[in-house]
């Protein structure tokens, strides 16, 4: 494949173009010079993975190549450890967990959200790699400040301590009237009252057999209240993700594939007023089986990796993370996914989420509301950086031939961390079957 094709796809994706590796591959090598040879390794591994998930059986030659990759020494290289993990699992019998491990590992994503993945990492990656990943994860924060007002806790406790749903609604009406009388409808306290009211009016309506659309609609109503007047827009499953479309283009160009030119439809995409994607969110019905949950989790993590790498990070390198929701029935979680050194991703849980089904569940709802405000704070801070990045991009596009001087900085660039390894960004797997 010509380098021109790859350069064009890279330009679409907003990633730095690089010369594609040579097609030669030494399956018998037990070591690689990472800056030079790991690109060849990764390309070959992706080709095997794409063939595997397209229904092609792994050949004996490919089995030998996978064993060679699995036996490589990686020491502290977090990315190479994932590629080795993918190669090792390609040699195992097909299971939903095995498939999810392969797709995430070849995309260079550490999934710290699921305890099953934690056990796999602890058993399969070198101790120094695992130590580095855990250290990076411990430093990851969605926001630097707490966006949940202290006064909201007292208000929440007053409401949920009422003896019944009817009493709660009466108390909510009273508190709303007090705030409205003081012209405080735009306060966080008023927002919390509206959320509690919405939840209380749905008591007794939840069923395990509720459809995915019903589960989504109830939760989306809460987000509608939370994001009112923020400029953040909610785009439902009728729209496809730009990030997945770009990712398909990159993979088509790099691996000569024929993935769909259209992006994948997402249950809920949160965008800025300028239609820039910030995160993709998944909703599933309560009786979804474990295999489907694993598939959806893997898909959602890879989709958001694409959002970060292809949409956010090119605008501003401070936009190296996103926060997203994965929801099943009336429970779920908020997670943070970060691109580390433009080299690999780490996803970790931020908090558990729930939608109270009955009045006596309300005491457990405080952490979910706190997480809502954390999500809103993250979205608003990201929106500011996105607006700045788009403005700078517009200036650059207006003067494309200008020899721009280096920007004046007030601080030294950050020192490389122990996890720095590869000199090119991760290639995010797009399943031929959209799984």
Protein backbone atom coordinates (compact mmCIF):
# COMPACT_ATOMS: atom_id res chain seq x y z
CA UNK A 1 0.00 0.00 0.00
CA UNK A 2 1.30 3.45 -0.86
CA UNK A 3 2.24 5.87 1.89
CA UNK A 4 0.05 8.44 0.14
CA UNK A 5 -3.09 6.45 0.98
CA UNK A 6 -2.12 6.27 4.65
CA UNK A 7 -1.21 9.96 4.75
CA UNK A 8 -4.65 10.87 3.37
CA UNK A 9 -6.42 8.77 6.01
CA UNK A 10 -4.22 10.25 8.72
CA UNK A 11 -5.10 13.75 7.56
CA UNK A 12 -8.80 12.93 7.78
CA UNK A 13 -8.31 11.56 11.27
CA UNK A 14 -6.22 14.48 12.46
CA UNK A 15 -3.29 12.25 13.38
CA UNK A 16 0.33 12.64 12.44
CA UNK A 17 1.10 10.72 9.27
CA UNK A 18 3.95 8.26 9.24
CA UNK A 19 5.46 6.00 6.64
CA UNK A 20 3.79 2.59 6.70
CA UNK A 21 6.08 -0.22 7.76
CA UNK A 22 7.66 -2.61 5.32
CA UNK A 23 5.69 -5.80 4.71
CA UNK A 24 8.50 -8.08 5.87
CA UNK A 25 7.89 -9.84 9.15
CA UNK A 26 10.30 -12.12 10.99
CA UNK A 27 8.15 -14.60 12.88
CA UNK A 28 11.16 -16.27 14.45
CA UNK A 29 12.48 -13.12 16.14
CA UNK A 30 12.29 -13.21 19.91
CA UNK A 31 13.10 -9.54 20.37
CA UNK A 32 12.32 -6.34 18.51
CA UNK A 33 13.79 -2.89 18.44
CA UNK A 34 10.57 -1.25 19.50
CA UNK A 35 10.93 2.09 17.74
CA UNK A 36 11.60 0.34 14.43
CA UNK A 37 10.03 -3.11 14.37
CA UNK A 38 6.98 -2.91 16.58
CA UNK A 39 5.06 -1.19 13.77
CA UNK A 40 5.57 -4.26 11.61
CA UNK A 41 4.47 -6.40 14.52
CA UNK A 42 1.34 -4.38 15.16
CA UNK A 43 0.36 -4.29 11.52
CA UNK A 44 0.67 -8.05 11.16
CA UNK A 45 -1.26 -8.61 14.38
CA UNK A 46 -4.10 -6.35 13.21
CA UNK A 47 -4.30 -8.23 9.91
CA UNK A 48 -4.64 -11.56 11.73
CA UNK A 49 -7.28 -10.12 14.06
CA UNK A 50 -9.32 -8.68 11.18
CA UNK A 51 -9.17 -11.99 9.33
CA UNK A 52 -10.14 -13.87 12.48
CA UNK A 53 -13.23 -11.74 13.13
CA UNK A 54 -14.17 -11.89 9.46
CA UNK A 55 -14.57 -15.65 9.79
CA UNK A 56 -11.19 -16.78 8.45
CA UNK A 57 -9.45 -19.53 10.41
CA UNK A 58 -5.97 -18.79 11.72
CA UNK A 59 -3.41 -20.64 9.60
CA UNK A 60 -0.47 -22.62 10.95
CA UNK A 61 1.90 -19.91 9.75
CA UNK A 62 -0.13 -17.30 11.60
CA UNK A 63 -0.15 -19.48 14.72
CA UNK A 64 3.65 -19.52 14.61
CA UNK A 65 3.70 -15.76 14.18
CA UNK A 66 1.34 -15.32 17.13
CA UNK A 67 3.48 -17.54 19.34
CA UNK A 68 6.52 -15.50 18.35
CA UNK A 69 4.73 -12.29 19.32
CA UNK A 70 3.52 -13.79 22.60
CA UNK A 71 7.10 -14.75 23.51
CA UNK A 72 8.58 -11.28 22.96
CA UNK A 73 10.22 -9.51 25.90
CA UNK A 74 8.54 -6.21 26.71
CA UNK A 75 9.90 -5.26 30.16
CA UNK A 76 8.16 -1.93 30.89
CA UNK A 77 6.53 -1.36 27.47
CA UNK A 78 2.81 -1.05 28.23
CA UNK A 79 1.75 -1.11 24.57
CA UNK A 80 3.78 -4.14 23.58
CA UNK A 81 2.39 -5.98 26.61
CA UNK A 82 -1.11 -5.50 25.19
CA UNK A 83 -0.09 -6.71 21.74
CA UNK A 84 1.41 -9.81 23.33
CA UNK A 85 -1.82 -10.34 25.27
CA UNK A 86 -3.85 -10.14 22.05
CA UNK A 87 -1.56 -12.65 20.34
CA UNK A 88 -1.80 -15.06 23.27
CA UNK A 89 -5.61 -14.94 23.34
CA UNK A 90 -5.89 -15.41 19.58
CA UNK A 91 -4.47 -18.88 20.19
CA UNK A 92 -7.22 -19.69 22.73
CA UNK A 93 -10.70 -21.14 22.08
CA UNK A 94 -13.33 -18.58 21.16
CA UNK A 95 -15.33 -17.11 24.07
CA UNK A 96 -16.95 -13.68 24.58
CA UNK A 97 -14.24 -12.74 27.12
CA UNK A 98 -11.45 -13.90 24.81
CA UNK A 99 -12.89 -11.84 21.94
CA UNK A 100 -13.20 -8.72 24.11
CA UNK A 101 -9.62 -9.10 25.36
CA UNK A 102 -8.32 -9.36 21.79
CA UNK A 103 -10.24 -6.36 20.46
CA UNK A 104 -9.28 -4.10 23.36
CA UNK A 105 -5.67 -5.26 23.54
CA UNK A 106 -4.97 -4.80 19.84
CA UNK A 107 -6.47 -1.29 20.25
CA UNK A 108 -4.03 -0.70 23.13
CA UNK A 109 -6.75 -0.25 25.75
CA UNK A 110 -6.34 -1.35 29.36
CA UNK A 111 -9.82 -2.10 30.71
CA UNK A 112 -9.69 -1.52 34.46
CA UNK A 113 -13.49 -1.25 34.60
CA UNK A 114 -14.10 -5.01 34.62
CA UNK A 115 -12.61 -7.23 37.33
CA UNK A 116 -12.17 -10.10 34.86
CA UNK A 117 -9.73 -7.99 32.90
CA UNK A 118 -7.84 -7.06 36.06
CA UNK A 119 -7.22 -10.74 36.75
CA UNK A 120 -6.01 -11.27 33.17
CA UNK A 121 -3.59 -8.33 33.34
CA UNK A 122 -2.20 -9.41 36.69
CA UNK A 123 -1.54 -12.90 35.34
CA UNK A 124 -0.20 -11.99 31.90
CA UNK A 125 1.63 -8.65 31.82
CA UNK A 126 5.08 -8.05 33.35
CA UNK A 127 5.06 -6.69 36.92
CA UNK A 128 6.72 -3.43 35.85
CA UNK A 129 4.06 -2.87 33.18
CA UNK A 130 1.24 -3.53 35.64
CA UNK A 131 2.86 -1.20 38.17
CA UNK A 132 3.12 1.56 35.54
CA UNK A 133 -0.49 1.10 34.44
CA UNK A 134 -1.77 1.22 38.01
CA UNK A 135 0.34 4.31 38.72
CA UNK A 136 -1.06 6.08 35.66
CA UNK A 137 -4.60 5.07 36.59
CA UNK A 138 -4.21 6.41 40.13
CA UNK A 139 -3.32 9.83 38.72
CA UNK A 140 -6.32 9.94 36.39
CA UNK A 141 -9.09 12.35 37.40
CA UNK A 142 -12.20 13.36 35.53
CA UNK A 143 -12.16 16.83 37.12
CA UNK A 144 -9.80 18.69 39.39
CA UNK A 145 -12.62 20.12 41.51
CA UNK A 146 -15.82 18.88 43.12
CA UNK A 147 -18.79 20.30 41.20
CA UNK A 148 -21.37 19.09 43.71
CA UNK A 149 -22.46 21.92 46.06
CA UNK A 150 -22.45 21.21 49.79
CA UNK A 151 -25.89 22.75 50.15
CA UNK A 152 -27.24 20.10 47.78
CA UNK A 153 -26.45 17.30 50.21
CA UNK A 154 -28.64 18.79 52.93
CA UNK A 155 -31.43 19.41 50.42
CA UNK A 156 -31.21 15.84 49.12
CA UNK A 157 -31.38 14.40 52.64
CA UNK A 158 -34.43 16.49 53.48
CA UNK A 159 -36.28 15.23 50.42
CA UNK A 160 -35.46 11.52 50.64
CA UNK A 161 -36.26 11.34 54.37
CA UNK A 162 -39.93 11.91 53.60
CA UNK A 163 -42.02 8.85 54.47
CA UNK A 164 -43.52 8.18 51.04
CA UNK A 165 -43.27 9.06 47.37
CA UNK A 166 -46.32 11.31 47.71
CA UNK A 167 -44.73 13.16 50.63
CA UNK A 168 -41.50 13.50 48.67
CA UNK A 169 -43.30 15.12 45.73
CA UNK A 170 -45.09 17.54 48.05
CA UNK A 171 -41.79 18.51 49.66
CA UNK A 172 -40.18 18.93 46.23
CA UNK A 173 -43.02 21.23 45.14
CA UNK A 174 -42.56 23.30 48.30
CA UNK A 175 -38.78 23.64 47.83
CA UNK A 176 -39.21 24.51 44.14
CA UNK A 177 -41.67 27.24 45.09
CA UNK A 178 -39.23 28.70 47.62
CA UNK A 179 -36.39 28.79 45.09
CA UNK A 180 -38.65 30.19 42.36
CA UNK A 181 -39.81 32.96 44.68
CA UNK A 182 -36.16 33.96 45.09
CA UNK A 183 -35.51 33.77 41.33
CA UNK A 184 -33.24 30.73 41.79
CA UNK A 185 -34.54 28.39 39.09
CA UNK A 186 -31.07 28.28 37.51
CA UNK A 187 -29.31 26.96 40.61
CA UNK A 188 -27.89 23.48 41.20
CA UNK A 189 -30.38 23.00 44.01
CA UNK A 190 -33.30 23.54 41.64
CA UNK A 191 -31.75 21.10 39.16
CA UNK A 192 -31.53 18.46 41.89
CA UNK A 193 -35.18 18.99 42.77
CA UNK A 194 -36.19 18.48 39.13
CA UNK A 195 -34.14 15.27 38.93
CA UNK A 196 -35.63 13.91 42.16
CA UNK A 197 -39.12 14.77 40.95
CA UNK A 198 -38.56 12.94 37.66
CA UNK A 199 -37.30 9.85 39.49
CA UNK A 200 -40.14 9.87 42.01
CA UNK A 201 -42.79 10.03 39.29
CA UNK A 202 -41.42 6.80 37.82
CA UNK A 203 -41.64 4.78 41.05
CA UNK A 204 -43.41 1.48 40.44
CA UNK A 205 -43.11 1.64 36.66
CA UNK A 206 -39.85 -0.27 36.26
CA UNK A 207 -39.89 -3.85 34.99
CA UNK A 208 -37.03 -6.24 34.25
CA UNK A 209 -38.65 -6.76 30.86
CA UNK A 210 -38.47 -3.06 29.95
CA UNK A 211 -37.02 -2.51 26.48
CA UNK A 212 -33.68 -0.83 25.84
CA UNK A 213 -35.55 2.20 24.48
CA UNK A 214 -37.56 2.50 27.71
CA UNK A 215 -34.46 2.25 29.90
CA UNK A 216 -32.70 4.85 27.77
CA UNK A 217 -35.66 7.23 27.71
CA UNK A 218 -35.97 7.34 31.50
CA UNK A 219 -32.26 7.96 32.05
CA UNK A 220 -32.03 10.47 29.19
CA UNK A 221 -34.77 12.53 30.83
CA UNK A 222 -32.46 13.03 33.83
CA UNK A 223 -29.57 14.07 31.59
CA UNK A 224 -31.88 16.50 29.81
CA UNK A 225 -32.47 18.23 33.14
CA UNK A 226 -28.79 18.10 34.11
CA UNK A 227 -27.52 19.58 30.83
CA UNK A 228 -30.19 22.23 30.36
CA UNK A 229 -28.67 25.59 29.30
CA UNK A 230 -25.14 24.14 29.10
CA UNK A 231 -24.83 24.07 25.31
CA UNK A 232 -24.13 20.32 25.46
CA UNK A 233 -26.43 18.46 23.08
CA UNK A 234 -27.76 14.91 23.37
CA UNK A 235 -27.80 13.01 20.09
CA UNK A 236 -29.60 9.67 20.14
CA UNK A 237 -29.23 6.46 18.13
CA UNK A 238 -30.48 7.92 14.87
CA UNK A 239 -27.07 9.55 14.41
CA UNK A 240 -23.72 7.88 13.80
CA UNK A 241 -20.41 8.71 15.42
CA UNK A 242 -17.94 10.80 13.45
CA UNK A 243 -15.10 9.20 15.41
CA UNK A 244 -16.05 5.69 14.24
CA UNK A 245 -16.31 6.92 10.65
CA UNK A 246 -12.79 8.36 10.82
CA UNK A 247 -11.51 5.22 12.51
CA UNK A 248 -12.96 3.10 9.69
CA UNK A 249 -11.17 5.31 7.15
CA UNK A 250 -7.84 4.96 8.94
CA UNK A 251 -8.14 1.18 9.18
CA UNK A 252 -9.33 0.85 5.59
CA UNK A 253 -6.32 2.80 4.36
CA UNK A 254 -3.75 1.18 6.60
CA UNK A 255 -4.88 -2.43 6.22
CA UNK A 256 -6.60 -2.31 2.81
CA UNK A 257 -9.94 -3.24 4.39
CA UNK A 258 -13.48 -2.54 3.26
CA UNK A 259 -15.09 -1.36 6.48
CA UNK A 260 -18.25 0.71 6.13
CA UNK A 261 -17.69 4.33 5.15
CA UNK A 262 -20.43 5.25 7.62
CA UNK A 263 -19.93 5.68 11.34
CA UNK A 264 -21.55 3.35 13.86
CA UNK A 265 -24.84 4.43 15.42
CA UNK A 266 -24.53 5.10 19.14
CA UNK A 267 -27.29 5.03 21.78
CA UNK A 268 -26.35 8.50 23.04
CA UNK A 269 -23.62 10.86 21.86
CA UNK A 270 -22.89 13.99 23.88
CA UNK A 271 -21.69 16.84 21.69
CA UNK A 272 -20.85 20.51 22.01
CA UNK A 273 -22.95 23.21 20.38
CA UNK A 274 -20.44 23.04 17.49
CA UNK A 275 -21.28 19.32 17.03
CA UNK A 276 -17.92 18.11 18.34
CA UNK A 277 -18.26 14.70 19.96
CA UNK A 278 -17.18 14.41 23.60
CA UNK A 279 -18.34 10.91 24.51
CA UNK A 280 -20.41 7.93 23.38
CA UNK A 281 -22.74 6.20 25.84
CA UNK A 282 -24.41 2.78 25.79
CA UNK A 283 -27.74 1.65 27.24
CA UNK A 284 -28.98 -1.94 27.49
CA UNK A 285 -32.10 -3.60 28.89
CA UNK A 286 -31.95 -5.29 32.28
CA UNK A 287 -32.09 -8.87 30.99
CA UNK A 288 -29.10 -8.46 28.64
CA UNK A 289 -26.90 -11.56 28.88
CA UNK A 290 -23.27 -11.46 29.95
CA UNK A 291 -21.89 -12.16 26.48
CA UNK A 292 -23.72 -9.18 25.03
CA UNK A 293 -22.63 -6.95 27.92
CA UNK A 294 -18.99 -7.86 27.26
CA UNK A 295 -19.41 -7.15 23.56
CA UNK A 296 -21.08 -3.79 24.21
CA UNK A 297 -18.50 -2.81 26.82
CA UNK A 298 -15.66 -3.53 24.42
CA UNK A 299 -17.42 -1.65 21.64
CA UNK A 300 -18.12 1.37 23.85
CA UNK A 301 -14.52 1.57 25.09
CA UNK A 302 -13.18 1.41 21.54
CA UNK A 303 -15.67 3.99 20.33
CA UNK A 304 -14.61 6.44 23.03
CA UNK A 305 -10.95 5.70 22.33
CA UNK A 306 -11.73 6.85 18.79
CA UNK A 307 -13.46 9.98 20.09
CA UNK A 308 -10.38 10.89 22.11
CA UNK A 309 -7.78 10.01 19.48
CA UNK A 310 -9.52 11.27 16.34
CA UNK A 311 -11.71 14.13 17.59
CA UNK A 312 -10.54 15.60 20.90
CA UNK A 313 -6.78 15.09 21.10
CA UNK A 314 -6.02 16.71 17.69
CA UNK A 315 -7.77 19.89 18.87
CA UNK A 316 -5.78 20.22 22.09
CA UNK A 317 -3.44 17.72 23.73
CA UNK A 318 -5.10 18.59 27.04
CA UNK A 319 -8.16 16.84 25.61
CA UNK A 320 -6.63 13.43 26.21
CA UNK A 321 -9.58 11.86 28.05
CA UNK A 322 -13.31 11.45 28.13
CA UNK A 323 -15.97 10.35 30.61
CA UNK A 324 -18.81 8.10 29.50
CA UNK A 325 -21.79 6.05 30.71
CA UNK A 326 -22.53 2.35 30.32
CA UNK A 327 -26.01 1.53 31.66
CA UNK A 328 -27.89 -1.77 32.01
CA UNK A 329 -31.56 -1.56 33.01
CA UNK A 330 -31.57 0.67 36.09
CA UNK A 331 -27.90 0.28 37.05
CA UNK A 332 -24.63 1.20 35.38
CA UNK A 333 -21.40 3.07 35.81
CA UNK A 334 -19.49 6.16 34.83
CA UNK A 335 -15.96 5.59 33.57
CA UNK A 336 -12.94 7.64 32.60
CA UNK A 337 -10.83 6.78 29.56
CA UNK A 338 -7.48 8.51 28.98
CA UNK A 339 -4.89 8.42 26.20
CA UNK A 340 -1.48 8.11 27.87
CA UNK A 341 1.40 9.76 25.99
CA UNK A 342 -0.46 9.21 22.69
CA UNK A 343 0.59 5.58 23.15
CA UNK A 344 -2.11 3.54 24.93
CA UNK A 345 -5.43 4.01 26.73
CA UNK A 346 -6.50 3.30 30.29
CA UNK A 347 -10.17 3.02 31.23
CA UNK A 348 -11.14 2.99 34.89
CA UNK A 349 -14.45 3.24 36.77
CA UNK A 350 -15.41 6.56 38.31
CA UNK A 351 -18.62 5.59 40.09
CA UNK A 352 -21.58 3.25 40.05
CA UNK A 353 -24.87 4.69 38.80
CA UNK A 354 -28.43 3.68 39.59
CA UNK A 355 -31.96 4.77 38.80
CA UNK A 356 -34.09 4.24 41.95
CA UNK A 357 -37.06 1.98 41.27
CA UNK A 358 -38.86 2.56 44.57
CA UNK A 359 -39.01 5.14 47.35
CA UNK A 360 -36.80 3.10 49.70
CA UNK A 361 -34.00 3.11 47.09
CA UNK A 362 -33.59 6.88 47.23
CA UNK A 363 -30.94 6.94 49.97
CA UNK A 364 -28.61 5.18 47.51
CA UNK A 365 -29.16 7.83 44.84
CA UNK A 366 -26.87 10.51 46.31
CA UNK A 367 -23.68 9.12 44.73
CA UNK A 368 -25.39 8.99 41.34
CA UNK A 369 -26.43 12.65 41.57
CA UNK A 370 -22.91 13.57 42.64
CA UNK A 371 -21.64 11.71 39.56
CA UNK A 372 -24.09 13.62 37.38
CA UNK A 373 -22.51 16.89 38.48
CA UNK A 374 -19.03 15.50 37.93
CA UNK A 375 -20.06 14.53 34.39
CA UNK A 376 -21.50 17.98 33.77
CA UNK A 377 -18.35 19.65 35.09
CA UNK A 378 -16.19 17.50 32.82
CA UNK A 379 -18.34 18.26 29.79
CA UNK A 380 -18.24 22.01 30.41
CA UNK A 381 -14.47 22.10 30.95
CA UNK A 382 -13.97 20.01 27.80
CA UNK A 383 -16.29 22.34 25.89
CA UNK A 384 -14.05 25.33 26.71
CA UNK A 385 -10.95 23.56 25.41
CA UNK A 386 -12.82 22.40 22.31
CA UNK A 387 -13.97 25.94 21.51
CA UNK A 388 -10.41 27.19 21.88
CA UNK A 389 -9.06 24.38 19.71
CA UNK A 390 -11.64 24.97 16.99
CA UNK A 391 -10.85 28.69 16.97
CA UNK A 392 -7.13 28.02 16.65
CA UNK A 393 -7.83 25.50 13.92
CA UNK A 394 -9.87 28.11 12.06
CA UNK A 395 -7.02 30.61 12.27
CA UNK A 396 -4.59 28.02 10.93
CA UNK A 397 -6.92 27.12 8.07
CA UNK A 398 -7.34 30.79 7.17
CA UNK A 399 -3.55 31.18 6.75
CA UNK A 400 -2.43 27.75 5.53
CA UNK A 401 0.91 28.92 4.08
CA UNK A 402 2.01 31.05 7.02
CA UNK A 403 5.35 30.05 8.56
CA UNK A 404 3.97 30.19 12.09
CA UNK A 405 6.53 31.03 14.80
CA UNK A 406 6.84 28.70 17.75
CA UNK A 407 4.42 29.64 20.56
CA UNK A 408 5.80 31.34 23.64
CA UNK A 409 5.43 29.04 26.65
CA UNK A 410 5.52 29.99 30.29
CA UNK A 411 6.49 26.57 31.59
CA UNK A 412 8.76 23.71 30.68
CA UNK A 413 7.28 20.76 28.79
CA UNK A 414 6.43 17.78 30.98
CA UNK A 415 9.13 15.17 31.39
CA UNK A 416 8.52 11.80 29.74
CA UNK A 417 6.95 9.26 32.05
CA UNK A 418 8.03 5.69 32.64
CA UNK A 419 5.27 4.41 30.35
CA UNK A 420 6.48 6.22 27.23
CA UNK A 421 7.41 3.75 24.50
CA UNK A 422 6.00 3.78 20.97
CA UNK A 423 6.49 6.75 18.66
CA UNK A 424 3.18 6.38 16.81
CA UNK A 425 -0.45 6.47 18.02
CA UNK A 426 -2.60 3.41 18.68
CA UNK A 427 -4.66 1.82 15.91
CA UNK A 428 -8.19 1.25 17.21
CA UNK A 429 -9.84 -1.96 16.06
CA UNK A 430 -13.09 -1.63 14.09
CA UNK A 431 -14.87 -4.96 13.94
CA UNK A 432 -15.97 -6.10 10.47
CA UNK A 433 -19.27 -7.13 12.04
CA UNK A 434 -19.57 -3.88 14.06
CA UNK A 435 -19.22 -5.76 17.35
